[in-house]
Amino acid sequence: EQMIAKLRVGLALLAAVVLVACGAPQKQAPADVAGLTQALISLDPVVDPAEAARAAEIAYNYSLVLRQDYNVTDGALMHNAKVNQGLRPRGLCWHWADDLQT
């Protein structure tokens, strides 16, 4: 019975991961930018609030540009499958990481 309970928990976690990974991409909300700005400011007292706001704005806006460039229309799991099948040019995790660093 303990094995069945563990199996149920494992299946529930797997289902949650699949559902989240297959979800539609979300659009940026102003609260997200404001939250990131505050998180950056809270890193150190010498962080310039204007610089933190600019960094947060760039992080969100450039991600949206990349989403369009990569033609992301599905969640991460589906998009990755399309990239791996050659149906999309880019959009794997390392693509995002490389492009966000440039």
PDB file of N, CA and C in Angstrom:
ATOM      1  N   GLU A   1       0.815  -1.201   0.000  1.00  0.00           N
ATOM      2  CA  GLU A   1       0.000   0.000   0.000  1.00  0.00           C
ATOM      3  C   GLU A   1       0.859   1.266   0.000  1.00  0.00           C
ATOM      4  N   GLN A   2       1.980   1.211   0.684  1.00  0.00           N
ATOM      5  CA  GLN A   2       2.894   2.351   0.696  1.00  0.00           C
ATOM      6  C   GLN A   2       3.490   2.561  -0.699  1.00  0.00           C
ATOM      7  N   MET A   3       3.729   1.480  -1.404  1.00  0.00           N
ATOM      8  CA  MET A   3       4.255   1.559  -2.762  1.00  0.00           C
ATOM      9  C   MET A   3       3.233   2.216  -3.688  1.00  0.00           C
ATOM     10  N   ILE A   4       1.978   1.897  -3.525  1.00  0.00           N
ATOM     11  CA  ILE A   4       0.918   2.488  -4.353  1.00  0.00           C
ATOM     12  C   ILE A   4       0.809   3.977  -4.066  1.00  0.00           C
ATOM     13  N   ALA A   5       0.921   4.359  -2.805  1.00  0.00           N
ATOM     14  CA  ALA A   5       0.862   5.782  -2.445  1.00  0.00           C
ATOM     15  C   ALA A   5       2.026   6.535  -3.086  1.00  0.00           C
ATOM     16  N   LYS A   6       3.213   5.962  -3.067  1.00  0.00           N
ATOM     17  CA  LYS A   6       4.373   6.598  -3.692  1.00  0.00           C
ATOM     18  C   LYS A   6       4.187   6.697  -5.204  1.00  0.00           C
ATOM     19  N   LEU A   7       3.618   5.670  -5.787  1.00  0.00           N
ATOM     20  CA  LEU A   7       3.361   5.674  -7.228  1.00  0.00           C
ATOM     21  C   LEU A   7       2.363   6.770  -7.586  1.00  0.00           C
ATOM     22  N   ARG A   8       1.323   6.926  -6.777  1.00  0.00           N
ATOM     23  CA  ARG A   8       0.333   7.980  -7.028  1.00  0.00           C
ATOM     24  C   ARG A   8       0.963   9.367  -6.953  1.00  0.00           C
ATOM     25  N   VAL A   9       1.796   9.577  -5.943  1.00  0.00           N
ATOM     26  CA  VAL A   9       2.474  10.865  -5.797  1.00  0.00           C
ATOM     27  C   VAL A   9       3.390  11.108  -6.992  1.00  0.00           C
ATOM     28  N   GLY A  10       4.128  10.088  -7.387  1.00  0.00           N
ATOM     29  CA  GLY A  10       5.024  10.216  -8.541  1.00  0.00           C
ATOM     30  C   GLY A  10       4.265  10.536  -9.817  1.00  0.00           C
ATOM     31  N   LEU A  11       3.143   9.876 -10.028  1.00  0.00           N
ATOM     32  CA  LEU A  11       2.339  10.143 -11.218  1.00  0.00           C
ATOM     33  C   LEU A  11       1.729  11.540 -11.182  1.00  0.00           C
ATOM     34  N   ALA A  12       1.317  11.976 -10.005  1.00  0.00           N
ATOM     35  CA  ALA A  12       0.766  13.329  -9.880  1.00  0.00           C
ATOM     36  C   ALA A  12       1.835  14.373 -10.193  1.00  0.00           C
ATOM     37  N   LEU A  13       3.046  14.171  -9.701  1.00  0.00           N
ATOM     38  CA  LEU A  13       4.140  15.097  -9.998  1.00  0.00           C
ATOM     39  C   LEU A  13       4.475  15.090 -11.480  1.00  0.00           C
ATOM     40  N   LEU A  14       4.498  13.920 -12.086  1.00  0.00           N
ATOM     41  CA  LEU A  14       4.774  13.823 -13.514  1.00  0.00           C
ATOM     42  C   LEU A  14       3.700  14.541 -14.322  1.00  0.00           C
ATOM     43  N   ALA A  15       2.454  14.352 -13.941  1.00  0.00           N
ATOM     44  CA  ALA A  15       1.353  15.026 -14.642  1.00  0.00           C
ATOM     45  C   ALA A  15       1.474  16.536 -14.507  1.00  0.00           C
ATOM     46  N   ALA A  16       1.832  17.011 -13.322  1.00  0.00           N
ATOM     47  CA  ALA A  16       1.988  18.459 -13.110  1.00  0.00           C
ATOM     48  C   ALA A  16       3.105  19.017 -13.975  1.00  0.00           C
ATOM     49  N   VAL A  17       4.216  18.313 -14.059  1.00  0.00           N
ATOM     50  CA  VAL A  17       5.343  18.770 -14.878  1.00  0.00           C
ATOM     51  C   VAL A  17       4.947  18.826 -16.347  1.00  0.00           C
ATOM     52  N   VAL A  18       4.265  17.793 -16.815  1.00  0.00           N
ATOM     53  CA  VAL A  18       3.858  17.755 -18.215  1.00  0.00           C
ATOM     54  C   VAL A  18       2.870  18.880 -18.510  1.00  0.00           C
ATOM     55  N   LEU A  19       1.912  19.093 -17.633  1.00  0.00           N
ATOM     56  CA  LEU A  19       0.925  20.155 -17.856  1.00  0.00           C
ATOM     57  C   LEU A  19       1.569  21.532 -17.870  1.00  0.00           C
ATOM     58  N   VAL A  20       2.516  21.770 -16.971  1.00  0.00           N
ATOM     59  CA  VAL A  20       3.194  23.063 -16.937  1.00  0.00           C
ATOM     60  C   VAL A  20       4.063  23.236 -18.172  1.00  0.00           C
ATOM     61  N   ALA A  21       4.768  22.200 -18.559  1.00  0.00           N
ATOM     62  CA  ALA A  21       5.665  22.288 -19.708  1.00  0.00           C
ATOM     63  C   ALA A  21       4.904  22.460 -21.010  1.00  0.00           C
ATOM     64  N   CYS A  22       3.681  21.997 -21.044  1.00  0.00           N
ATOM     65  CA  CYS A  22       2.902  22.089 -22.279  1.00  0.00           C
ATOM     66  C   CYS A  22       1.988  23.304 -22.293  1.00  0.00           C
ATOM     67  N   GLY A  23       2.051  24.114 -21.272  1.00  0.00           N
ATOM     68  CA  GLY A  23       1.200  25.297 -21.213  1.00  0.00           C
ATOM     69  C   GLY A  23       1.598  26.329 -22.252  1.00  0.00           C
ATOM     70  N   ALA A  24       0.672  27.205 -22.554  1.00  0.00           N
ATOM     71  CA  ALA A  24       0.940  28.268 -23.524  1.00  0.00           C
ATOM     72  C   ALA A  24       1.875  29.297 -22.912  1.00  0.00           C
ATOM     73  N   PRO A  25       2.740  29.891 -23.713  1.00  0.00           N
ATOM     74  CA  PRO A  25       3.633  30.919 -23.192  1.00  0.00           C
ATOM     75  C   PRO A  25       2.841  32.118 -22.686  1.00  0.00           C
ATOM     76  N   GLN A  26       3.311  32.694 -21.623  1.00  0.00           N
ATOM     77  CA  GLN A  26       2.639  33.828 -21.003  1.00  0.00           C
ATOM     78  C   GLN A  26       3.244  35.139 -21.482  1.00  0.00           C
ATOM     79  N   LYS A  27       2.424  36.177 -21.489  1.00  0.00           N
ATOM     80  CA  LYS A  27       2.924  37.502 -21.828  1.00  0.00           C
ATOM     81  C   LYS A  27       3.413  38.187 -20.558  1.00  0.00           C
ATOM     82  N   GLN A  28       4.303  39.121 -20.739  1.00  0.00           N
ATOM     83  CA  GLN A  28       4.872  39.861 -19.622  1.00  0.00           C
ATOM     84  C   GLN A  28       3.828  40.789 -19.019  1.00  0.00           C
ATOM     85  N   ALA A  29       3.826  40.862 -17.725  1.00  0.00           N
ATOM     86  CA  ALA A  29       2.962  41.799 -17.021  1.00  0.00           C
ATOM     87  C   ALA A  29       3.832  42.874 -16.384  1.00  0.00           C
ATOM     88  N   PRO A  30       3.326  44.105 -16.310  1.00  0.00           N
ATOM     89  CA  PRO A  30       4.115  45.170 -15.667  1.00  0.00           C
ATOM     90  C   PRO A  30       4.539  44.808 -14.247  1.00  0.00           C
ATOM     91  N   ALA A  31       3.710  44.030 -13.560  1.00  0.00           N
ATOM     92  CA  ALA A  31       4.071  43.629 -12.194  1.00  0.00           C
ATOM     93  C   ALA A  31       5.318  42.751 -12.192  1.00  0.00           C
ATOM     94  N   ASP A  32       5.524  41.970 -13.261  1.00  0.00           N
ATOM     95  CA  ASP A  32       6.714  41.131 -13.359  1.00  0.00           C
ATOM     96  C   ASP A  32       7.971  41.997 -13.433  1.00  0.00           C
ATOM     97  N   VAL A  33       7.924  43.041 -14.243  1.00  0.00           N
ATOM     98  CA  VAL A  33       9.062  43.954 -14.379  1.00  0.00           C
ATOM     99  C   VAL A  33       9.316  44.653 -13.047  1.00  0.00           C
ATOM    100  N   ALA A  34       8.254  45.105 -12.425  1.00  0.00           N
ATOM    101  CA  ALA A  34       8.403  45.791 -11.135  1.00  0.00           C
ATOM    102  C   ALA A  34       8.973  44.846 -10.079  1.00  0.00           C
ATOM    103  N   GLY A  35       8.522  43.607 -10.091  1.00  0.00           N
ATOM    104  CA  GLY A  35       9.030  42.628  -9.134  1.00  0.00           C
ATOM    105  C   GLY A  35      10.502  42.334  -9.341  1.00  0.00           C
ATOM    106  N   LEU A  36      10.903  42.189 -10.602  1.00  0.00           N
ATOM    107  CA  LEU A  36      12.322  41.955 -10.894  1.00  0.00           C
ATOM    108  C   LEU A  36      13.145  43.179 -10.526  1.00  0.00           C
ATOM    109  N   THR A  37      12.613  44.363 -10.786  1.00  0.00           N
ATOM    110  CA  THR A  37      13.316  45.596 -10.404  1.00  0.00           C
ATOM    111  C   THR A  37      13.578  45.606  -8.907  1.00  0.00           C
ATOM    112  N   GLN A  38      12.556  45.296  -8.125  1.00  0.00           N
ATOM    113  CA  GLN A  38      12.714  45.284  -6.668  1.00  0.00           C
ATOM    114  C   GLN A  38      13.689  44.203  -6.215  1.00  0.00           C
ATOM    115  N   ALA A  39      13.651  43.053  -6.872  1.00  0.00           N
ATOM    116  CA  ALA A  39      14.585  41.976  -6.520  1.00  0.00           C
ATOM    117  C   ALA A  39      16.025  42.402  -6.790  1.00  0.00           C
ATOM    118  N   LEU A  40      16.236  43.086  -7.913  1.00  0.00           N
ATOM    119  CA  LEU A  40      17.590  43.565  -8.229  1.00  0.00           C
ATOM    120  C   LEU A  40      18.047  44.616  -7.228  1.00  0.00           C
ATOM    121  N   ILE A  41      17.162  45.527  -6.876  1.00  0.00           N
ATOM    122  CA  ILE A  41      17.501  46.579  -5.901  1.00  0.00           C
ATOM    123  C   ILE A  41      17.856  45.964  -4.555  1.00  0.00           C
ATOM    124  N   SER A  42      17.137  44.895  -4.193  1.00  0.00           N
ATOM    125  CA  SER A  42      17.366  44.288  -2.874  1.00  0.00           C
ATOM    126  C   SER A  42      18.676  43.503  -2.791  1.00  0.00           C
ATOM    127  N   LEU A  43      19.354  43.313  -3.921  1.00  0.00           N
ATOM    128  CA  LEU A  43      20.617  42.572  -3.893  1.00  0.00           C
ATOM    129  C   LEU A  43      21.714  43.293  -3.128  1.00  0.00           C
ATOM    130  N   ASP A  44      21.714  44.623  -3.220  1.00  0.00           N
ATOM    131  CA  ASP A  44      22.775  45.395  -2.572  1.00  0.00           C
ATOM    132  C   ASP A  44      22.307  46.834  -2.443  1.00  0.00           C
ATOM    133  N   PRO A  45      22.639  47.477  -1.341  1.00  0.00           N
ATOM    134  CA  PRO A  45      22.203  48.865  -1.147  1.00  0.00           C
ATOM    135  C   PRO A  45      22.766  49.846  -2.179  1.00  0.00           C
ATOM    136  N   VAL A  46      23.850  49.489  -2.850  1.00  0.00           N
ATOM    137  CA  VAL A  46      24.440  50.409  -3.817  1.00  0.00           C
ATOM    138  C   VAL A  46      23.843  50.274  -5.220  1.00  0.00           C
ATOM    139  N   VAL A  47      22.883  49.342  -5.391  1.00  0.00           N
ATOM    140  CA  VAL A  47      22.262  49.169  -6.707  1.00  0.00           C
ATOM    141  C   VAL A  47      21.424  50.407  -7.025  1.00  0.00           C
ATOM    142  N   ASP A  48      21.687  51.002  -8.160  1.00  0.00           N
ATOM    143  CA  ASP A  48      20.949  52.173  -8.619  1.00  0.00           C
ATOM    144  C   ASP A  48      19.551  51.731  -9.061  1.00  0.00           C
ATOM    145  N   PRO A  49      18.483  52.276  -8.461  1.00  0.00           N
ATOM    146  CA  PRO A  49      17.124  51.875  -8.832  1.00  0.00           C
ATOM    147  C   PRO A  49      16.816  52.071 -10.318  1.00  0.00           C
ATOM    148  N   ALA A  50      17.334  53.136 -10.924  1.00  0.00           N
ATOM    149  CA  ALA A  50      17.094  53.363 -12.351  1.00  0.00           C
ATOM    150  C   ALA A  50      17.777  52.285 -13.184  1.00  0.00           C
ATOM    151  N   GLU A  51      18.979  51.900 -12.786  1.00  0.00           N
ATOM    152  CA  GLU A  51      19.694  50.850 -13.506  1.00  0.00           C
ATOM    153  C   GLU A  51      18.984  49.504 -13.341  1.00  0.00           C
ATOM    154  N   ALA A  52      18.489  49.244 -12.136  1.00  0.00           N
ATOM    155  CA  ALA A  52      17.749  48.002 -11.893  1.00  0.00           C
ATOM    156  C   ALA A  52      16.485  47.957 -12.748  1.00  0.00           C
ATOM    157  N   ALA A  53      15.792  49.081 -12.842  1.00  0.00           N
ATOM    158  CA  ALA A  53      14.572  49.145 -13.656  1.00  0.00           C
ATOM    159  C   ALA A  53      14.893  48.908 -15.126  1.00  0.00           C
ATOM    160  N   ARG A  54      15.973  49.486 -15.594  1.00  0.00           N
ATOM    161  CA  ARG A  54      16.374  49.303 -17.001  1.00  0.00           C
ATOM    162  C   ARG A  54      16.755  47.854 -17.269  1.00  0.00           C
ATOM    163  N   ALA A  55      17.494  47.244 -16.363  1.00  0.00           N
ATOM    164  CA  ALA A  55      17.893  45.841 -16.524  1.00  0.00           C
ATOM    165  C   ALA A  55      16.661  44.925 -16.536  1.00  0.00           C
ATOM    166  N   ALA A  56      15.710  45.200 -15.656  1.00  0.00           N
ATOM    167  CA  ALA A  56      14.490  44.388 -15.608  1.00  0.00           C
ATOM    168  C   ALA A  56      13.684  44.543 -16.888  1.00  0.00           C
ATOM    169  N   GLU A  57      13.565  45.760 -17.367  1.00  0.00           N
ATOM    170  CA  GLU A  57      12.818  46.030 -18.601  1.00  0.00           C
ATOM    171  C   GLU A  57      13.470  45.321 -19.795  1.00  0.00           C
ATOM    172  N   ILE A  58      14.789  45.403 -19.888  1.00  0.00           N
ATOM    173  CA  ILE A  58      15.508  44.742 -20.985  1.00  0.00           C
ATOM    174  C   ILE A  58      15.328  43.223 -20.894  1.00  0.00           C
ATOM    175  N   ALA A  59      15.444  42.677 -19.698  1.00  0.00           N
ATOM    176  CA  ALA A  59      15.318  41.227 -19.522  1.00  0.00           C
ATOM    177  C   ALA A  59      13.971  40.733 -20.022  1.00  0.00           C
ATOM    178  N   TYR A  60      12.913  41.421 -19.659  1.00  0.00           N
ATOM    179  CA  TYR A  60      11.581  40.994 -20.098  1.00  0.00           C
ATOM    180  C   TYR A  60      11.354  41.289 -21.581  1.00  0.00           C
ATOM    181  N   ASN A  61      11.685  42.478 -22.023  1.00  0.00           N
ATOM    182  CA  ASN A  61      11.408  42.830 -23.414  1.00  0.00           C
ATOM    183  C   ASN A  61      12.224  42.001 -24.400  1.00  0.00           C
ATOM    184  N   TYR A  62      13.490  41.753 -24.096  1.00  0.00           N
ATOM    185  CA  TYR A  62      14.307  40.968 -25.017  1.00  0.00           C
ATOM    186  C   TYR A  62      13.839  39.514 -25.055  1.00  0.00           C
ATOM    187  N   SER A  63      13.356  39.019 -23.923  1.00  0.00           N
ATOM    188  CA  SER A  63      12.796  37.667 -23.912  1.00  0.00           C
ATOM    189  C   SER A  63      11.588  37.580 -24.838  1.00  0.00           C
ATOM    190  N   LEU A  64      10.770  38.632 -24.852  1.00  0.00           N
ATOM    191  CA  LEU A  64       9.611  38.650 -25.749  1.00  0.00           C
ATOM    192  C   LEU A  64      10.045  38.711 -27.212  1.00  0.00           C
ATOM    193  N   VAL A  65      11.112  39.461 -27.496  1.00  0.00           N
ATOM    194  CA  VAL A  65      11.647  39.519 -28.855  1.00  0.00           C
ATOM    195  C   VAL A  65      12.139  38.132 -29.281  1.00  0.00           C
ATOM    196  N   LEU A  66      12.861  37.467 -28.396  1.00  0.00           N
ATOM    197  CA  LEU A  66      13.348  36.125 -28.712  1.00  0.00           C
ATOM    198  C   LEU A  66      12.188  35.158 -28.913  1.00  0.00           C
ATOM    199  N   ARG A  67      11.148  35.301 -28.123  1.00  0.00           N
ATOM    200  CA  ARG A  67       9.981  34.431 -28.289  1.00  0.00           C
ATOM    201  C   ARG A  67       9.403  34.569 -29.692  1.00  0.00           C
ATOM    202  N   GLN A  68       9.355  35.798 -30.202  1.00  0.00           N
ATOM    203  CA  GLN A  68       8.880  36.010 -31.567  1.00  0.00           C
ATOM    204  C   GLN A  68       9.880  35.455 -32.579  1.00  0.00           C
ATOM    205  N   ASP A  69      11.159  35.716 -32.364  1.00  0.00           N
ATOM    206  CA  ASP A  69      12.192  35.226 -33.280  1.00  0.00           C
ATOM    207  C   ASP A  69      12.194  33.698 -33.361  1.00  0.00           C
ATOM    208  N   TYR A  70      11.981  33.045 -32.224  1.00  0.00           N
ATOM    209  CA  TYR A  70      11.980  31.587 -32.168  1.00  0.00           C
ATOM    210  C   TYR A  70      10.639  30.994 -32.597  1.00  0.00           C
ATOM    211  N   ASN A  71       9.649  31.860 -32.816  1.00  0.00           N
ATOM    212  CA  ASN A  71       8.300  31.420 -33.184  1.00  0.00           C
ATOM    213  C   ASN A  71       7.721  30.476 -32.133  1.00  0.00           C
ATOM    214  N   VAL A  72       7.811  30.889 -30.871  1.00  0.00           N
ATOM    215  CA  VAL A  72       7.290  30.078 -29.768  1.00  0.00           C
ATOM    216  C   VAL A  72       5.780  30.259 -29.710  1.00  0.00           C
ATOM    217  N   THR A  73       5.066  29.172 -29.930  1.00  0.00           N
ATOM    218  CA  THR A  73       3.608  29.199 -29.880  1.00  0.00           C
ATOM    219  C   THR A  73       3.062  28.182 -28.888  1.00  0.00           C
ATOM    220  N   ASP A  74       3.943  27.367 -28.327  1.00  0.00           N
ATOM    221  CA  ASP A  74       3.558  26.310 -27.395  1.00  0.00           C
ATOM    222  C   ASP A  74       4.384  26.439 -26.127  1.00  0.00           C
ATOM    223  N   GLY A  75       4.119  25.564 -25.194  1.00  0.00           N
ATOM    224  CA  GLY A  75       4.935  25.473 -23.998  1.00  0.00           C
ATOM    225  C   GLY A  75       6.324  24.934 -24.333  1.00  0.00           C
ATOM    226  N   ALA A  76       7.187  24.931 -23.347  1.00  0.00           N
ATOM    227  CA  ALA A  76       8.590  24.560 -23.557  1.00  0.00           C
ATOM    228  C   ALA A  76       8.757  23.144 -24.100  1.00  0.00           C
ATOM    229  N   LEU A  77       8.029  22.199 -23.564  1.00  0.00           N
ATOM    230  CA  LEU A  77       8.182  20.811 -23.991  1.00  0.00           C
ATOM    231  C   LEU A  77       7.841  20.645 -25.470  1.00  0.00           C
ATOM    232  N   MET A  78       6.724  21.210 -25.897  1.00  0.00           N
ATOM    233  CA  MET A  78       6.316  21.105 -27.296  1.00  0.00           C
ATOM    234  C   MET A  78       7.270  21.877 -28.206  1.00  0.00           C
ATOM    235  N   HIS A  79       7.666  23.067 -27.758  1.00  0.00           N
ATOM    236  CA  HIS A  79       8.573  23.861 -28.592  1.00  0.00           C
ATOM    237  C   HIS A  79       9.914  23.146 -28.768  1.00  0.00           C
ATOM    238  N   ASN A  80      10.432  22.578 -27.684  1.00  0.00           N
ATOM    239  CA  ASN A  80      11.696  21.843 -27.781  1.00  0.00           C
ATOM    240  C   ASN A  80      11.581  20.681 -28.760  1.00  0.00           C
ATOM    241  N   ALA A  81      10.450  19.994 -28.737  1.00  0.00           N
ATOM    242  CA  ALA A  81      10.248  18.886 -29.680  1.00  0.00           C
ATOM    243  C   ALA A  81      10.263  19.409 -31.115  1.00  0.00           C
ATOM    244  N   LYS A  82       9.646  20.568 -31.345  1.00  0.00           N
ATOM    245  CA  LYS A  82       9.630  21.151 -32.687  1.00  0.00           C
ATOM    246  C   LYS A  82      11.035  21.563 -33.126  1.00  0.00           C
ATOM    247  N   VAL A  83      11.823  22.111 -32.208  1.00  0.00           N
ATOM    248  CA  VAL A  83      13.211  22.474 -32.541  1.00  0.00           C
ATOM    249  C   VAL A  83      13.994  21.209 -32.892  1.00  0.00           C
ATOM    250  N   ASN A  84      13.840  20.175 -32.079  1.00  0.00           N
ATOM    251  CA  ASN A  84      14.578  18.930 -32.312  1.00  0.00           C
ATOM    252  C   ASN A  84      14.165  18.242 -33.606  1.00  0.00           C
ATOM    253  N   GLN A  85      12.942  18.493 -34.065  1.00  0.00           N
ATOM    254  CA  GLN A  85      12.463  17.924 -35.332  1.00  0.00           C
ATOM    255  C   GLN A  85      12.782  18.824 -36.518  1.00  0.00           C
ATOM    256  N   GLY A  86      13.359  19.981 -36.248  1.00  0.00           N
ATOM    257  CA  GLY A  86      13.702  20.905 -37.321  1.00  0.00           C
ATOM    258  C   GLY A  86      12.547  21.788 -37.765  1.00  0.00           C
ATOM    259  N   LEU A  87      11.457  21.811 -36.987  1.00  0.00           N
ATOM    260  CA  LEU A  87      10.296  22.634 -37.338  1.00  0.00           C
ATOM    261  C   LEU A  87      10.427  24.069 -36.844  1.00  0.00           C
ATOM    262  N   ARG A  88      11.324  24.305 -35.906  1.00  0.00           N
ATOM    263  CA  ARG A  88      11.607  25.645 -35.391  1.00  0.00           C
ATOM    264  C   ARG A  88      13.118  25.827 -35.405  1.00  0.00           C
ATOM    265  N   PRO A  89      13.589  27.060 -35.678  1.00  0.00           N
ATOM    266  CA  PRO A  89      15.034  27.270 -35.811  1.00  0.00           C
ATOM    267  C   PRO A  89      15.797  27.234 -34.488  1.00  0.00           C
ATOM    268  N   ARG A  90      15.215  27.784 -33.456  1.00  0.00           N
ATOM    269  CA  ARG A  90      15.903  27.898 -32.167  1.00  0.00           C
ATOM    270  C   ARG A  90      14.868  27.867 -31.051  1.00  0.00           C
ATOM    271  N   GLY A  91      15.361  27.811 -29.816  1.00  0.00           N
ATOM    272  CA  GLY A  91      14.462  27.901 -28.679  1.00  0.00           C
ATOM    273  C   GLY A  91      14.732  26.882 -27.593  1.00  0.00           C
ATOM    274  N   LEU A  92      15.812  26.104 -27.744  1.00  0.00           N
ATOM    275  CA  LEU A  92      16.206  25.216 -26.656  1.00  0.00           C
ATOM    276  C   LEU A  92      16.807  26.061 -25.538  1.00  0.00           C
ATOM    277  N   CYS A  93      16.920  25.502 -24.361  1.00  0.00           N
ATOM    278  CA  CYS A  93      17.404  26.276 -23.204  1.00  0.00           C
ATOM    279  C   CYS A  93      18.733  26.967 -23.482  1.00  0.00           C
ATOM    280  N   TRP A  94      19.647  26.257 -24.126  1.00  0.00           N
ATOM    281  CA  TRP A  94      20.963  26.861 -24.359  1.00  0.00           C
ATOM    282  C   TRP A  94      20.880  27.978 -25.389  1.00  0.00           C
ATOM    283  N   HIS A  95      19.908  27.920 -26.308  1.00  0.00           N
ATOM    284  CA  HIS A  95      19.720  29.031 -27.243  1.00  0.00           C
ATOM    285  C   HIS A  95      19.313  30.291 -26.478  1.00  0.00           C
ATOM    286  N   TRP A  96      18.341  30.126 -25.575  1.00  0.00           N
ATOM    287  CA  TRP A  96      17.893  31.255 -24.775  1.00  0.00           C
ATOM    288  C   TRP A  96      19.064  31.840 -23.975  1.00  0.00           C
ATOM    289  N   ALA A  97      19.812  30.958 -23.328  1.00  0.00           N
ATOM    290  CA  ALA A  97      20.930  31.410 -22.488  1.00  0.00           C
ATOM    291  C   ALA A  97      21.961  32.169 -23.314  1.00  0.00           C
ATOM    292  N   ASP A  98      22.329  31.622 -24.454  1.00  0.00           N
ATOM    293  CA  ASP A  98      23.313  32.289 -25.314  1.00  0.00           C
ATOM    294  C   ASP A  98      22.790  33.637 -25.811  1.00  0.00           C
ATOM    295  N   ASP A  99      21.560  33.653 -26.291  1.00  0.00           N
ATOM    296  CA  ASP A  99      21.020  34.884 -26.867  1.00  0.00           C
ATOM    297  C   ASP A  99      20.749  35.953 -25.816  1.00  0.00           C
ATOM    298  N   LEU A 100      20.384  35.559 -24.611  1.00  0.00           N
ATOM    299  CA  LEU A 100      20.157  36.550 -23.555  1.00  0.00           C
ATOM    300  C   LEU A 100      21.468  37.151 -23.051  1.00  0.00           C
ATOM    301  N   GLN A 101      22.585  36.444 -23.239  1.00  0.00           N
ATOM    302  CA  GLN A 101      23.869  36.952 -22.798  1.00  0.00           C
ATOM    303  C   GLN A 101      24.499  37.905 -23.794  1.00  0.00           C
ATOM    304  N   THR A 102      24.005  37.940 -25.014  1.00  0.00           N
ATOM    305  CA  THR A 102      24.622  38.800 -26.042  1.00  0.00           C
ATOM    306  C   THR A 102      24.068  40.192 -26.003  1.00  0.00           C
TER     307      THR A 102
END
